[in-house]
Amino acid sequence: MSETTAIVTRDAPRRRAKRSSRHVSPLLYLFPIPALVLYTVFFVIPTLQTFQYSVTNWDGYSPEFDYVGIDNFVRAIAGDALFTNALGNNMRFMVVVVIGQTAVALIMAILLVKNTKTTIFLRALYFFPTILSSVSVGFIWKFVYDPNFGVINSSLDALGMPGLKSSFLGDPAQAIYWLAVTQIWFHAGMMIVIFVAGLQAIPAEFYEAAEVDGAGPWRRFTSITWPLIAPAMSIVVAYTTIQSFKAFDVVLSISGNPPSASLDILSTRIYSTFANSQFGYAATQSVLFIIFILVITFVIRRFLRLVQRGE
């Protein structure tokens, strides 16, 4: 037997085993089908129907409806004071939550980045509000903000500073900002965990080399931490932005249903429109809601990318 024939004979079982490992049973392709069916029935079709109903005057019950073109969109943007008020409230709420929650979480993450018993305990403590239900959070802060018996006003009285007392949610000019404080307290713990994971992924050698070169804490933050924490920052900002538009349960639990005009945001406005049997118009508001989230998230992420590149 020649040497070539011996090699072919020796490698034949190996090639058969390799071909066998590449062979995939056709039955395996059937496994995703139940998930795809559920996804299509409960997500894709309702989403497409939302776009269809957004150009109709369907009331949600009648078997027939008329197509009204872009009239619903014109009404929402130019002729509905309730919708524009909710949009304004939501924009102020989003700005305060995104900036406040991101800043608080980043500062706390930098302070708690080292793995010691104390920092691990504090991370768990700050994460605790995240596991509470939204309704519980709403009732807790409703008590905190109570102008007569709330913790804040009672503490100010005890400290001899009654002039700083406030009606909080009862003040239309301040209510949305106090709601933002609740939202920050609710979700900041999760953002701290994400930032800590991002900070711990930065190689320690970078900081050691910077210290050898004489870089101070601010220089190390701007030249090392800020650019390298970009992936975690993108996740936090995107999550916070979306959460600020979806704070439906917190608003209803803290303000009641329907919410006061000063606490009405887009998600609660859409719910109220559905409840008033204006399904076609509510679908239009939902489409605008999706567009707002997509545009704002894109703009913020683009802005962050430019800032972190120093452009």
C-alpha atoms as a PDB file:
ATOM      1  CA  MET A   1       0.000   0.000   0.000  1.00  0.00           C
ATOM      2  CA  SER A   2       1.407   3.394  -0.999  1.00  0.00           C
ATOM      3  CA  GLU A   3       1.823   6.236   1.503  1.00  0.00           C
ATOM      4  CA  THR A   4      -0.948   8.282  -0.167  1.00  0.00           C
ATOM      5  CA  THR A   5      -3.420   5.431   0.040  1.00  0.00           C
ATOM      6  CA  ALA A   6      -2.571   4.965   3.718  1.00  0.00           C
ATOM      7  CA  ILE A   7      -3.267   8.644   4.468  1.00  0.00           C
ATOM      8  CA  VAL A   8      -6.619   8.566   2.620  1.00  0.00           C
ATOM      9  CA  THR A   9      -7.644   5.432   4.481  1.00  0.00           C
ATOM     10  CA  ARG A  10      -6.632   6.942   7.837  1.00  0.00           C
ATOM     11  CA  ASP A  11      -8.500  10.240   7.237  1.00  0.00           C
ATOM     12  CA  ALA A  12     -11.695   8.669   5.871  1.00  0.00           C
ATOM     13  CA  PRO A  13     -13.338   8.045   9.292  1.00  0.00           C
ATOM     14  CA  ARG A  14     -12.421  11.586  10.340  1.00  0.00           C
ATOM     15  CA  ARG A  15     -14.098  13.099   7.270  1.00  0.00           C
ATOM     16  CA  ARG A  16     -17.197  10.954   7.783  1.00  0.00           C
ATOM     17  CA  ALA A  17     -17.385  12.118  11.394  1.00  0.00           C
ATOM     18  CA  LYS A  18     -17.003  15.751  10.260  1.00  0.00           C
ATOM     19  CA  ARG A  19     -19.779  15.377   7.664  1.00  0.00           C
ATOM     20  CA  SER A  20     -21.929  13.699  10.288  1.00  0.00           C
ATOM     21  CA  SER A  21     -21.361  16.611  12.724  1.00  0.00           C
ATOM     22  CA  ARG A  22     -22.446  19.094  10.038  1.00  0.00           C
ATOM     23  CA  HIS A  23     -25.641  17.205   9.323  1.00  0.00           C
ATOM     24  CA  VAL A  24     -28.612  18.892  10.972  1.00  0.00           C
ATOM     25  CA  SER A  25     -31.869  17.075  11.293  1.00  0.00           C
ATOM     26  CA  PRO A  26     -34.696  18.848   9.416  1.00  0.00           C
ATOM     27  CA  LEU A  27     -36.853  18.435  12.520  1.00  0.00           C
ATOM     28  CA  LEU A  28     -34.732  21.044  14.299  1.00  0.00           C
ATOM     29  CA  TYR A  29     -36.032  23.705  11.913  1.00  0.00           C
ATOM     30  CA  LEU A  30     -39.533  23.096  13.307  1.00  0.00           C
ATOM     31  CA  PHE A  31     -38.607  24.204  16.819  1.00  0.00           C
ATOM     32  CA  PRO A  32     -38.708  28.012  16.173  1.00  0.00           C
ATOM     33  CA  ILE A  33     -42.137  27.769  14.540  1.00  0.00           C
ATOM     34  CA  PRO A  34     -44.227  28.074  17.771  1.00  0.00           C
ATOM     35  CA  ALA A  35     -42.237  31.139  18.826  1.00  0.00           C
ATOM     36  CA  LEU A  36     -42.546  32.700  15.374  1.00  0.00           C
ATOM     37  CA  VAL A  37     -46.291  32.063  15.324  1.00  0.00           C
ATOM     38  CA  LEU A  38     -46.752  33.696  18.741  1.00  0.00           C
ATOM     39  CA  TYR A  39     -44.531  36.623  17.757  1.00  0.00           C
ATOM     40  CA  THR A  40     -46.489  37.123  14.537  1.00  0.00           C
ATOM     41  CA  VAL A  41     -49.933  36.826  16.145  1.00  0.00           C
ATOM     42  CA  PHE A  42     -49.270  38.937  19.227  1.00  0.00           C
ATOM     43  CA  PHE A  43     -46.753  41.491  17.920  1.00  0.00           C
ATOM     44  CA  VAL A  44     -46.420  41.763  14.132  1.00  0.00           C
ATOM     45  CA  ILE A  45     -50.128  41.671  13.241  1.00  0.00           C
ATOM     46  CA  PRO A  46     -51.237  44.081  16.026  1.00  0.00           C
ATOM     47  CA  THR A  47     -48.448  46.478  15.037  1.00  0.00           C
ATOM     48  CA  LEU A  48     -49.542  46.443  11.395  1.00  0.00           C
ATOM     49  CA  GLN A  49     -53.179  46.882  12.456  1.00  0.00           C
ATOM     50  CA  THR A  50     -52.167  49.907  14.530  1.00  0.00           C
ATOM     51  CA  PHE A  51     -50.845  51.585  11.404  1.00  0.00           C
ATOM     52  CA  GLN A  52     -54.039  50.617   9.554  1.00  0.00           C
ATOM     53  CA  TYR A  53     -56.394  51.951  12.247  1.00  0.00           C
ATOM     54  CA  SER A  54     -54.365  55.143  12.621  1.00  0.00           C
ATOM     55  CA  VAL A  55     -55.936  56.453   9.390  1.00  0.00           C
ATOM     56  CA  THR A  56     -59.501  55.502  10.355  1.00  0.00           C
ATOM     57  CA  ASN A  57     -62.226  56.779  12.653  1.00  0.00           C
ATOM     58  CA  TRP A  58     -62.904  53.327  14.164  1.00  0.00           C
ATOM     59  CA  ASP A  59     -64.513  53.448  17.610  1.00  0.00           C
ATOM     60  CA  GLY A  60     -63.368  49.953  18.584  1.00  0.00           C
ATOM     61  CA  TYR A  61     -66.814  48.353  18.503  1.00  0.00           C
ATOM     62  CA  SER A  62     -68.498  49.035  15.174  1.00  0.00           C
ATOM     63  CA  PRO A  63     -67.942  46.509  12.378  1.00  0.00           C
ATOM     64  CA  GLU A  64     -67.408  49.347   9.898  1.00  0.00           C
ATOM     65  CA  PHE A  65     -65.223  52.422   9.831  1.00  0.00           C
ATOM     66  CA  ASP A  66     -64.125  55.114   7.407  1.00  0.00           C
ATOM     67  CA  TYR A  67     -60.638  55.974   6.274  1.00  0.00           C
ATOM     68  CA  VAL A  68     -59.831  59.599   7.133  1.00  0.00           C
ATOM     69  CA  GLY A  69     -56.318  59.840   5.700  1.00  0.00           C
ATOM     70  CA  ILE A  70     -53.950  62.045   7.721  1.00  0.00           C
ATOM     71  CA  ASP A  71     -56.744  63.894   9.543  1.00  0.00           C
ATOM     72  CA  ASN A  72     -55.952  62.111  12.808  1.00  0.00           C
ATOM     73  CA  PHE A  73     -52.281  63.087  12.559  1.00  0.00           C
ATOM     74  CA  VAL A  74     -53.170  66.727  11.850  1.00  0.00           C
ATOM     75  CA  ARG A  75     -55.588  66.709  14.773  1.00  0.00           C
ATOM     76  CA  ALA A  76     -52.981  65.268  17.173  1.00  0.00           C
ATOM     77  CA  ILE A  77     -50.204  67.659  16.205  1.00  0.00           C
ATOM     78  CA  ALA A  78     -52.127  70.867  15.574  1.00  0.00           C
ATOM     79  CA  GLY A  79     -55.584  70.585  17.081  1.00  0.00           C
ATOM     80  CA  ASP A  80     -55.453  68.584  20.323  1.00  0.00           C
ATOM     81  CA  ALA A  81     -54.364  70.588  23.357  1.00  0.00           C
ATOM     82  CA  LEU A  82     -54.465  67.491  25.581  1.00  0.00           C
ATOM     83  CA  PHE A  83     -52.046  65.604  23.332  1.00  0.00           C
ATOM     84  CA  THR A  84     -49.617  68.510  22.981  1.00  0.00           C
ATOM     85  CA  ASN A  85     -49.776  69.076  26.746  1.00  0.00           C
ATOM     86  CA  ALA A  86     -48.914  65.395  27.318  1.00  0.00           C
ATOM     87  CA  LEU A  87     -46.090  65.655  24.786  1.00  0.00           C
ATOM     88  CA  GLY A  88     -44.666  68.720  26.552  1.00  0.00           C
ATOM     89  CA  ASN A  89     -44.888  67.021  29.937  1.00  0.00           C
ATOM     90  CA  ASN A  90     -43.216  63.899  28.553  1.00  0.00           C
ATOM     91  CA  MET A  91     -40.356  65.878  27.015  1.00  0.00           C
ATOM     92  CA  ARG A  92     -39.627  67.715  30.292  1.00  0.00           C
ATOM     93  CA  PHE A  93     -39.923  64.448  32.183  1.00  0.00           C
ATOM     94  CA  MET A  94     -37.553  62.685  29.755  1.00  0.00           C
ATOM     95  CA  VAL A  95     -34.885  65.400  29.883  1.00  0.00           C
ATOM     96  CA  VAL A  96     -34.790  65.423  33.694  1.00  0.00           C
ATOM     97  CA  VAL A  97     -34.849  61.625  33.959  1.00  0.00           C
ATOM     98  CA  VAL A  98     -32.204  60.958  31.282  1.00  0.00           C
ATOM     99  CA  ILE A  99     -29.768  63.577  32.588  1.00  0.00           C
ATOM    100  CA  GLY A 100     -30.457  63.015  36.293  1.00  0.00           C
ATOM    101  CA  GLN A 101     -30.577  59.234  36.262  1.00  0.00           C
ATOM    102  CA  THR A 102     -27.500  58.870  34.036  1.00  0.00           C
ATOM    103  CA  ALA A 103     -25.455  61.314  36.120  1.00  0.00           C
ATOM    104  CA  VAL A 104     -26.476  59.803  39.470  1.00  0.00           C
ATOM    105  CA  ALA A 105     -25.864  56.247  38.268  1.00  0.00           C
ATOM    106  CA  LEU A 106     -22.448  57.077  36.770  1.00  0.00           C
ATOM    107  CA  ILE A 107     -21.240  58.906  39.897  1.00  0.00           C
ATOM    108  CA  MET A 108     -22.438  56.102  42.185  1.00  0.00           C
ATOM    109  CA  ALA A 109     -20.883  53.458  39.906  1.00  0.00           C
ATOM    110  CA  ILE A 110     -17.498  55.216  40.012  1.00  0.00           C
ATOM    111  CA  LEU A 111     -17.682  55.348  43.820  1.00  0.00           C
ATOM    112  CA  LEU A 112     -18.749  51.685  44.080  1.00  0.00           C
ATOM    113  CA  VAL A 113     -16.660  50.128  41.307  1.00  0.00           C
ATOM    114  CA  LYS A 114     -14.297  48.235  43.638  1.00  0.00           C
ATOM    115  CA  ASN A 115     -15.496  44.848  44.882  1.00  0.00           C
ATOM    116  CA  THR A 116     -15.468  45.138  48.664  1.00  0.00           C
ATOM    117  CA  LYS A 117     -18.068  43.952  51.167  1.00  0.00           C
ATOM    118  CA  THR A 118     -19.289  47.508  51.708  1.00  0.00           C
ATOM    119  CA  THR A 119     -19.621  48.395  48.017  1.00  0.00           C
ATOM    120  CA  ILE A 120     -21.357  45.100  47.193  1.00  0.00           C
ATOM    121  CA  PHE A 121     -23.834  45.720  50.020  1.00  0.00           C
ATOM    122  CA  LEU A 122     -24.465  49.285  48.843  1.00  0.00           C
ATOM    123  CA  ARG A 123     -24.995  48.128  45.228  1.00  0.00           C
ATOM    124  CA  ALA A 124     -27.611  45.639  46.449  1.00  0.00           C
ATOM    125  CA  LEU A 125     -29.226  48.344  48.584  1.00  0.00           C
ATOM    126  CA  TYR A 126     -29.462  50.801  45.688  1.00  0.00           C
ATOM    127  CA  PHE A 127     -30.762  48.026  43.399  1.00  0.00           C
ATOM    128  CA  PHE A 128     -33.585  47.182  45.817  1.00  0.00           C
ATOM    129  CA  PRO A 129     -36.147  49.739  44.469  1.00  0.00           C
ATOM    130  CA  THR A 130     -35.842  48.117  41.036  1.00  0.00           C
ATOM    131  CA  ILE A 131     -37.425  44.881  42.253  1.00  0.00           C
ATOM    132  CA  LEU A 132     -40.447  46.683  43.699  1.00  0.00           C
ATOM    133  CA  SER A 133     -43.664  46.818  41.720  1.00  0.00           C
ATOM    134  CA  SER A 134     -44.534  50.097  40.042  1.00  0.00           C
ATOM    135  CA  VAL A 135     -47.728  50.383  42.078  1.00  0.00           C
ATOM    136  CA  SER A 136     -45.783  50.025  45.330  1.00  0.00           C
ATOM    137  CA  VAL A 137     -43.345  52.711  44.227  1.00  0.00           C
ATOM    138  CA  GLY A 138     -46.232  55.014  43.350  1.00  0.00           C
ATOM    139  CA  PHE A 139     -47.883  54.619  46.755  1.00  0.00           C
ATOM    140  CA  ILE A 140     -44.568  55.033  48.624  1.00  0.00           C
ATOM    141  CA  TRP A 141     -43.847  58.340  46.924  1.00  0.00           C
ATOM    142  CA  LYS A 142     -47.446  59.457  47.174  1.00  0.00           C
ATOM    143  CA  PHE A 143     -46.972  59.259  50.935  1.00  0.00           C
ATOM    144  CA  VAL A 144     -43.571  60.959  50.753  1.00  0.00           C
ATOM    145  CA  TYR A 145     -45.033  63.881  48.765  1.00  0.00           C
ATOM    146  CA  ASP A 146     -48.177  64.268  50.877  1.00  0.00           C
ATOM    147  CA  PRO A 147     -48.289  68.009  51.730  1.00  0.00           C
ATOM    148  CA  ASN A 148     -49.870  67.458  55.170  1.00  0.00           C
ATOM    149  CA  PHE A 149     -48.451  64.203  56.495  1.00  0.00           C
ATOM    150  CA  GLY A 150     -45.605  63.456  54.052  1.00  0.00           C
ATOM    151  CA  VAL A 151     -42.074  62.649  55.179  1.00  0.00           C
ATOM    152  CA  ILE A 152     -40.473  65.643  53.466  1.00  0.00           C
ATOM    153  CA  ASN A 153     -42.744  68.367  54.822  1.00  0.00           C
ATOM    154  CA  SER A 154     -42.781  66.763  58.287  1.00  0.00           C
ATOM    155  CA  SER A 155     -38.967  66.689  58.291  1.00  0.00           C
ATOM    156  CA  LEU A 156     -38.793  70.337  57.230  1.00  0.00           C
ATOM    157  CA  ASP A 157     -41.148  71.232  60.074  1.00  0.00           C
ATOM    158  CA  ALA A 158     -38.981  69.275  62.532  1.00  0.00           C
ATOM    159  CA  LEU A 159     -35.848  71.060  61.274  1.00  0.00           C
ATOM    160  CA  GLY A 160     -37.476  74.468  61.668  1.00  0.00           C
ATOM    161  CA  MET A 161     -37.623  75.190  57.928  1.00  0.00           C
ATOM    162  CA  PRO A 162     -41.355  75.467  57.177  1.00  0.00           C
ATOM    163  CA  GLY A 163     -40.653  78.001  54.450  1.00  0.00           C
ATOM    164  CA  LEU A 164     -39.247  75.229  52.245  1.00  0.00           C
ATOM    165  CA  LYS A 165     -42.427  73.152  52.423  1.00  0.00           C
ATOM    166  CA  SER A 166     -44.133  72.428  49.116  1.00  0.00           C
ATOM    167  CA  SER A 167     -47.342  70.918  47.808  1.00  0.00           C
ATOM    168  CA  PHE A 168     -45.180  68.821  45.421  1.00  0.00           C
ATOM    169  CA  LEU A 169     -47.599  66.968  43.127  1.00  0.00           C
ATOM    170  CA  GLY A 170     -50.290  69.550  43.906  1.00  0.00           C
ATOM    171  CA  ASP A 171     -48.244  72.294  42.231  1.00  0.00           C
ATOM    172  CA  PRO A 172     -48.861  72.113  38.440  1.00  0.00           C
ATOM    173  CA  ALA A 173     -45.552  73.862  37.718  1.00  0.00           C
ATOM    174  CA  GLN A 174     -43.477  71.371  39.733  1.00  0.00           C
ATOM    175  CA  ALA A 175     -45.446  68.121  39.610  1.00  0.00           C
ATOM    176  CA  ILE A 176     -43.748  66.610  36.553  1.00  0.00           C
ATOM    177  CA  TYR A 177     -40.288  67.221  38.070  1.00  0.00           C
ATOM    178  CA  TRP A 178     -41.206  65.523  41.355  1.00  0.00           C
ATOM    179  CA  LEU A 179     -42.499  62.617  39.274  1.00  0.00           C
ATOM    180  CA  ALA A 180     -39.082  62.532  37.571  1.00  0.00           C
ATOM    181  CA  VAL A 181     -37.414  62.233  40.986  1.00  0.00           C
ATOM    182  CA  THR A 182     -39.547  59.159  41.672  1.00  0.00           C
ATOM    183  CA  GLN A 183     -38.583  57.633  38.335  1.00  0.00           C
ATOM    184  CA  ILE A 184     -34.876  58.244  39.004  1.00  0.00           C
ATOM    185  CA  TRP A 185     -35.119  56.615  42.450  1.00  0.00           C
ATOM    186  CA  PHE A 186     -36.968  53.666  40.907  1.00  0.00           C
ATOM    187  CA  HIS A 187     -34.495  52.790  38.123  1.00  0.00           C
ATOM    188  CA  ALA A 188     -31.107  54.265  39.105  1.00  0.00           C
ATOM    189  CA  GLY A 189     -30.044  51.015  40.832  1.00  0.00           C
ATOM    190  CA  MET A 190     -30.193  49.041  37.600  1.00  0.00           C
ATOM    191  CA  MET A 191     -28.194  51.721  35.781  1.00  0.00           C
ATOM    192  CA  ILE A 192     -25.528  51.588  38.512  1.00  0.00           C
ATOM    193  CA  VAL A 193     -25.092  47.857  37.882  1.00  0.00           C
ATOM    194  CA  ILE A 194     -24.682  48.428  34.130  1.00  0.00           C
ATOM    195  CA  PHE A 195     -22.126  51.199  34.686  1.00  0.00           C
ATOM    196  CA  VAL A 196     -20.185  49.112  37.227  1.00  0.00           C
ATOM    197  CA  ALA A 197     -19.941  46.271  34.690  1.00  0.00           C
ATOM    198  CA  GLY A 198     -18.672  48.746  32.075  1.00  0.00           C
ATOM    199  CA  LEU A 199     -16.115  50.286  34.442  1.00  0.00           C
ATOM    200  CA  GLN A 200     -14.783  46.921  35.578  1.00  0.00           C
ATOM    201  CA  ALA A 201     -14.213  45.920  31.941  1.00  0.00           C
ATOM    202  CA  ILE A 202     -11.666  48.742  31.506  1.00  0.00           C
ATOM    203  CA  PRO A 203      -8.122  47.322  31.914  1.00  0.00           C
ATOM    204  CA  ALA A 204      -6.445  48.558  35.116  1.00  0.00           C
ATOM    205  CA  GLU A 205      -3.169  48.961  33.181  1.00  0.00           C
ATOM    206  CA  PHE A 206      -4.587  52.052  31.465  1.00  0.00           C
ATOM    207  CA  TYR A 207      -5.072  53.830  34.798  1.00  0.00           C
ATOM    208  CA  GLU A 208      -1.661  52.683  36.059  1.00  0.00           C
ATOM    209  CA  ALA A 209       0.047  54.039  32.950  1.00  0.00           C
ATOM    210  CA  ALA A 210      -1.874  57.324  33.255  1.00  0.00           C
ATOM    211  CA  GLU A 211      -0.792  57.692  36.903  1.00  0.00           C
ATOM    212  CA  VAL A 212       2.831  57.085  35.918  1.00  0.00           C
ATOM    213  CA  ASP A 213       2.460  59.874  33.341  1.00  0.00           C
ATOM    214  CA  GLY A 214       1.132  62.195  36.065  1.00  0.00           C
ATOM    215  CA  ALA A 215      -2.528  62.324  34.959  1.00  0.00           C
ATOM    216  CA  GLY A 216      -4.930  63.493  37.674  1.00  0.00           C
ATOM    217  CA  PRO A 217      -8.390  62.016  38.434  1.00  0.00           C
ATOM    218  CA  TRP A 218     -10.227  64.350  36.018  1.00  0.00           C
ATOM    219  CA  ARG A 219      -7.701  63.700  33.238  1.00  0.00           C
ATOM    220  CA  ARG A 220      -8.039  59.928  33.768  1.00  0.00           C
ATOM    221  CA  PHE A 221     -11.825  60.231  33.653  1.00  0.00           C
ATOM    222  CA  THR A 222     -11.948  62.276  30.448  1.00  0.00           C
ATOM    223  CA  SER A 223      -9.201  60.343  28.626  1.00  0.00           C
ATOM    224  CA  ILE A 224      -9.891  56.764  29.766  1.00  0.00           C
ATOM    225  CA  THR A 225     -13.205  56.270  31.567  1.00  0.00           C
ATOM    226  CA  TRP A 226     -15.445  58.456  29.415  1.00  0.00           C
ATOM    227  CA  PRO A 227     -14.401  57.062  25.979  1.00  0.00           C
ATOM    228  CA  LEU A 228     -14.254  53.417  27.117  1.00  0.00           C
ATOM    229  CA  ILE A 229     -17.580  53.442  28.923  1.00  0.00           C
ATOM    230  CA  ALA A 230     -19.396  54.390  25.714  1.00  0.00           C
ATOM    231  CA  PRO A 231     -21.145  50.995  25.231  1.00  0.00           C
ATOM    232  CA  ALA A 232     -22.559  51.051  28.765  1.00  0.00           C
ATOM    233  CA  MET A 233     -23.542  54.697  28.362  1.00  0.00           C
ATOM    234  CA  SER A 234     -25.451  53.913  25.165  1.00  0.00           C
ATOM    235  CA  ILE A 235     -27.401  51.140  26.891  1.00  0.00           C
ATOM    236  CA  VAL A 236     -28.232  53.342  29.881  1.00  0.00           C
ATOM    237  CA  VAL A 237     -29.360  56.307  27.785  1.00  0.00           C
ATOM    238  CA  ALA A 238     -31.488  54.180  25.432  1.00  0.00           C
ATOM    239  CA  TYR A 239     -33.104  52.310  28.323  1.00  0.00           C
ATOM    240  CA  THR A 240     -33.732  55.492  30.316  1.00  0.00           C
ATOM    241  CA  THR A 241     -35.230  57.283  27.322  1.00  0.00           C
ATOM    242  CA  ILE A 242     -37.650  54.446  26.586  1.00  0.00           C
ATOM    243  CA  GLN A 243     -38.553  54.076  30.268  1.00  0.00           C
ATOM    244  CA  SER A 244     -39.345  57.783  30.521  1.00  0.00           C
ATOM    245  CA  PHE A 245     -41.969  57.345  27.802  1.00  0.00           C
ATOM    246  CA  LYS A 246     -43.378  54.160  29.369  1.00  0.00           C
ATOM    247  CA  ALA A 247     -43.844  55.411  32.945  1.00  0.00           C
ATOM    248  CA  PHE A 248     -47.548  54.668  32.611  1.00  0.00           C
ATOM    249  CA  ASP A 249     -47.950  52.551  35.750  1.00  0.00           C
ATOM    250  CA  VAL A 250     -45.988  54.913  37.997  1.00  0.00           C
ATOM    251  CA  VAL A 251     -48.047  57.903  36.833  1.00  0.00           C
ATOM    252  CA  LEU A 252     -51.397  56.181  37.399  1.00  0.00           C
ATOM    253  CA  SER A 253     -50.413  54.822  40.817  1.00  0.00           C
ATOM    254  CA  ILE A 254     -49.120  58.166  42.048  1.00  0.00           C
ATOM    255  CA  SER A 255     -51.736  60.415  40.438  1.00  0.00           C
ATOM    256  CA  GLY A 256     -54.817  58.214  39.928  1.00  0.00           C
ATOM    257  CA  ASN A 257     -56.857  57.577  36.803  1.00  0.00           C
ATOM    258  CA  PRO A 258     -57.175  59.776  34.855  1.00  0.00           C
ATOM    259  CA  PRO A 259     -54.006  61.647  35.865  1.00  0.00           C
ATOM    260  CA  SER A 260     -54.041  65.384  36.425  1.00  0.00           C
ATOM    261  CA  ALA A 261     -53.131  67.531  33.430  1.00  0.00           C
ATOM    262  CA  SER A 262     -49.740  68.363  34.956  1.00  0.00           C
ATOM    263  CA  LEU A 263     -48.827  64.642  35.170  1.00  0.00           C
ATOM    264  CA  ASP A 264     -50.378  63.482  31.895  1.00  0.00           C
ATOM    265  CA  ILE A 265     -47.724  61.960  29.605  1.00  0.00           C
ATOM    266  CA  LEU A 266     -48.060  60.317  26.200  1.00  0.00           C
ATOM    267  CA  SER A 267     -48.698  56.767  27.422  1.00  0.00           C
ATOM    268  CA  THR A 268     -51.479  57.878  29.799  1.00  0.00           C
ATOM    269  CA  ARG A 269     -52.954  60.155  27.108  1.00  0.00           C
ATOM    270  CA  ILE A 270     -53.126  57.202  24.666  1.00  0.00           C
ATOM    271  CA  TYR A 271     -54.788  55.081  27.346  1.00  0.00           C
ATOM    272  CA  SER A 272     -57.393  57.785  28.017  1.00  0.00           C
ATOM    273  CA  THR A 273     -58.131  58.074  24.303  1.00  0.00           C
ATOM    274  CA  PHE A 274     -58.649  54.305  24.040  1.00  0.00           C
ATOM    275  CA  ALA A 275     -60.903  54.432  27.119  1.00  0.00           C
ATOM    276  CA  ASN A 276     -63.019  57.084  25.367  1.00  0.00           C
ATOM    277  CA  SER A 277     -63.679  54.639  22.479  1.00  0.00           C
ATOM    278  CA  GLN A 278     -61.568  56.568  19.974  1.00  0.00           C
ATOM    279  CA  PHE A 279     -59.531  53.607  18.818  1.00  0.00           C
ATOM    280  CA  GLY A 280     -58.610  55.096  15.448  1.00  0.00           C
ATOM    281  CA  TYR A 281     -57.319  58.304  17.000  1.00  0.00           C
ATOM    282  CA  ALA A 282     -55.581  56.398  19.801  1.00  0.00           C
ATOM    283  CA  ALA A 283     -53.804  54.301  17.147  1.00  0.00           C
ATOM    284  CA  THR A 284     -52.613  57.553  15.544  1.00  0.00           C
ATOM    285  CA  GLN A 285     -51.233  58.730  18.887  1.00  0.00           C
ATOM    286  CA  SER A 286     -49.515  55.350  19.287  1.00  0.00           C
ATOM    287  CA  VAL A 287     -47.824  55.686  15.892  1.00  0.00           C
ATOM    288  CA  LEU A 288     -46.607  59.180  16.809  1.00  0.00           C
ATOM    289  CA  PHE A 289     -45.448  57.767  20.156  1.00  0.00           C
ATOM    290  CA  ILE A 290     -43.283  55.176  18.362  1.00  0.00           C
ATOM    291  CA  ILE A 291     -41.857  57.797  16.009  1.00  0.00           C
ATOM    292  CA  PHE A 292     -40.969  60.135  18.898  1.00  0.00           C
ATOM    293  CA  ILE A 293     -39.107  57.379  20.753  1.00  0.00           C
ATOM    294  CA  LEU A 294     -37.166  56.288  17.653  1.00  0.00           C
ATOM    295  CA  VAL A 295     -36.154  59.835  16.695  1.00  0.00           C
ATOM    296  CA  ILE A 296     -35.202  60.939  20.215  1.00  0.00           C
ATOM    297  CA  THR A 297     -33.226  57.763  20.926  1.00  0.00           C
ATOM    298  CA  PHE A 298     -31.342  58.124  17.628  1.00  0.00           C
ATOM    299  CA  VAL A 299     -30.552  61.804  18.242  1.00  0.00           C
ATOM    300  CA  ILE A 300     -29.341  61.206  21.810  1.00  0.00           C
ATOM    301  CA  ARG A 301     -27.146  58.259  20.847  1.00  0.00           C
ATOM    302  CA  ARG A 302     -25.713  60.241  17.933  1.00  0.00           C
ATOM    303  CA  PHE A 303     -25.010  63.195  20.248  1.00  0.00           C
ATOM    304  CA  LEU A 304     -23.287  60.950  22.803  1.00  0.00           C
ATOM    305  CA  ARG A 305     -21.142  59.371  20.095  1.00  0.00           C
ATOM    306  CA  LEU A 306     -19.964  62.772  18.900  1.00  0.00           C
ATOM    307  CA  VAL A 307     -19.257  63.957  22.454  1.00  0.00           C
ATOM    308  CA  GLN A 308     -17.268  60.849  23.337  1.00  0.00           C
ATOM    309  CA  ARG A 309     -15.243  61.202  20.135  1.00  0.00           C
ATOM    310  CA  GLY A 310     -14.494  64.808  21.131  1.00  0.00           C
ATOM    311  CA  GLU A 311     -15.984  66.184  17.881  1.00  0.00           C
END
